[in-house]
């Protein structure tokens, strides 16, 4: 059984060009581009994400290099693991940071509860 994650990357076009081949090799659910030319790459369904795999390793390596040298491009990275506390994010510009928010969805079975307090 493999460990799986959801992964999101937001980056400038210069960084996207460096990681595009590896991104497409893994097979994202979506690649979007805004009017400023920034990309949002979404692995929204569970994907086996391991930095020891060649594609993932190369992507993280490029992002780490950009983290230390912003002239290589701005980015935000977010990986959400299977466990509740397994959330990892890093970026090199707050405008590209990605945030994960957990919410409680109240379906019909919960709505029948009566407030006691």
Protein backbone atom coordinates (compact mmCIF):
# COMPACT_ATOMS: atom_id res chain seq x y z
CA UNK A 1 0.00 0.00 0.00
CA UNK A 2 1.43 3.38 -0.95
CA UNK A 3 1.16 6.64 0.92
CA UNK A 4 -0.72 9.28 -1.03
CA UNK A 5 -1.05 13.05 -0.95
CA UNK A 6 -2.77 15.95 -2.60
CA UNK A 7 -0.26 18.41 -4.03
CA UNK A 8 -0.68 21.99 -5.24
CA UNK A 9 1.93 24.25 -6.83
CA UNK A 10 1.44 27.87 -7.83
CA UNK A 11 4.34 29.37 -9.79
CA UNK A 12 5.54 31.87 -12.31
CA UNK A 13 5.91 30.79 -15.92
CA UNK A 14 9.72 30.64 -15.69
CA UNK A 15 9.49 27.95 -12.97
CA UNK A 16 6.64 26.14 -14.69
CA UNK A 17 8.79 25.76 -17.81
CA UNK A 18 11.49 24.06 -15.73
CA UNK A 19 9.14 21.53 -14.10
CA UNK A 20 6.47 21.09 -16.80
CA UNK A 21 7.85 17.80 -18.18
CA UNK A 22 7.95 16.17 -14.73
CA UNK A 23 4.54 17.61 -13.81
CA UNK A 24 2.96 16.13 -16.94
CA UNK A 25 4.75 12.82 -16.35
CA UNK A 26 3.00 12.47 -12.97
CA UNK A 27 -0.32 13.57 -14.45
CA UNK A 28 -2.00 16.47 -12.64
CA UNK A 29 -5.77 16.79 -12.38
CA UNK A 30 -5.60 20.39 -13.56
CA UNK A 31 -3.16 22.98 -14.83
CA UNK A 32 -4.57 26.52 -14.86
CA UNK A 33 -3.07 29.81 -15.93
CA UNK A 34 -4.15 33.31 -14.93
CA UNK A 35 -3.94 36.54 -16.92
CA UNK A 36 -0.59 37.42 -15.26
CA UNK A 37 0.93 34.20 -16.62
CA UNK A 38 1.11 32.35 -13.29
CA UNK A 39 0.32 28.64 -13.16
CA UNK A 40 -1.65 26.58 -10.65
CA UNK A 41 -0.91 22.86 -10.81
CA UNK A 42 -3.35 20.64 -8.92
CA UNK A 43 -2.97 17.00 -8.00
CA UNK A 44 -6.39 17.10 -6.36
CA UNK A 45 -7.10 13.39 -6.36
CA UNK A 46 -4.82 11.30 -4.17
CA UNK A 47 -1.46 10.75 -5.86
CA UNK A 48 1.52 8.71 -4.72
CA UNK A 49 3.94 11.53 -3.90
CA UNK A 50 7.40 10.58 -2.75
CA UNK A 51 10.43 12.84 -3.08
CA UNK A 52 12.50 9.73 -3.77
CA UNK A 53 10.66 9.26 -7.09
CA UNK A 54 12.66 10.93 -9.90
CA UNK A 55 9.91 13.31 -11.08
CA UNK A 56 8.95 14.49 -7.61
CA UNK A 57 12.62 14.83 -6.64
CA UNK A 58 13.36 17.04 -9.65
CA UNK A 59 10.30 19.24 -8.98
CA UNK A 60 11.22 19.76 -5.32
CA UNK A 61 14.85 20.40 -6.28
CA UNK A 62 13.84 23.20 -8.68
CA UNK A 63 11.52 24.71 -6.04
CA UNK A 64 14.20 24.53 -3.33
CA UNK A 65 16.67 26.28 -5.64
CA UNK A 66 14.08 29.01 -6.27
CA UNK A 67 13.44 29.26 -2.54
CA UNK A 68 17.09 30.19 -2.07
CA UNK A 69 17.30 32.42 -5.17
CA UNK A 70 14.11 34.34 -5.98
CA UNK A 71 15.51 35.48 -9.33
CA UNK A 72 14.60 31.96 -10.54
CA UNK A 73 10.89 32.70 -10.06
CA UNK A 74 8.22 32.86 -7.39
CA UNK A 75 6.21 29.85 -6.19
CA UNK A 76 4.03 28.32 -3.50
CA UNK A 77 3.90 24.59 -2.68
CA UNK A 78 1.38 22.66 -0.58
CA UNK A 79 1.28 18.91 0.10
CA UNK A 80 -1.59 17.42 2.11
CA UNK A 81 -0.98 13.90 3.36
CA UNK A 82 -3.39 11.24 4.51
CA UNK A 83 -2.92 11.99 8.20
CA UNK A 84 -4.66 14.98 9.82
CA UNK A 85 -1.40 16.66 10.83
CA UNK A 86 0.53 15.84 7.64
CA UNK A 87 0.43 19.21 5.87
CA UNK A 88 3.59 20.71 4.43
CA UNK A 89 3.89 24.08 2.70
CA UNK A 90 6.68 26.36 1.61
CA UNK A 91 7.07 29.32 -0.72
CA UNK A 92 9.45 32.11 -1.59
CA UNK A 93 6.89 34.92 -1.87
CA UNK A 94 3.82 35.42 0.31
CA UNK A 95 1.72 36.28 -2.75
CA UNK A 96 2.21 32.70 -3.95
CA UNK A 97 1.67 30.96 -0.60
CA UNK A 98 -1.01 28.30 -0.52
CA UNK A 99 -3.16 27.78 2.57
CA UNK A 100 -5.08 24.73 3.65
CA UNK A 101 -8.23 25.21 5.75
CA UNK A 102 -10.13 22.33 7.33
CA UNK A 103 -13.88 22.75 7.79
CA UNK A 104 -16.65 20.65 9.21
CA UNK A 105 -19.31 19.73 6.71
CA UNK A 106 -22.68 19.19 8.35
CA UNK A 107 -24.65 16.61 6.42
CA UNK A 108 -28.25 15.58 7.16
CA UNK A 109 -27.31 13.15 9.95
CA UNK A 110 -25.59 15.89 11.96
CA UNK A 111 -28.28 18.52 11.41
CA UNK A 112 -30.76 16.54 13.51
CA UNK A 113 -28.70 17.15 16.67
CA UNK A 114 -30.12 19.55 19.25
CA UNK A 115 -27.91 22.12 20.99
CA UNK A 116 -27.41 21.24 24.67
CA UNK A 117 -25.27 24.18 25.70
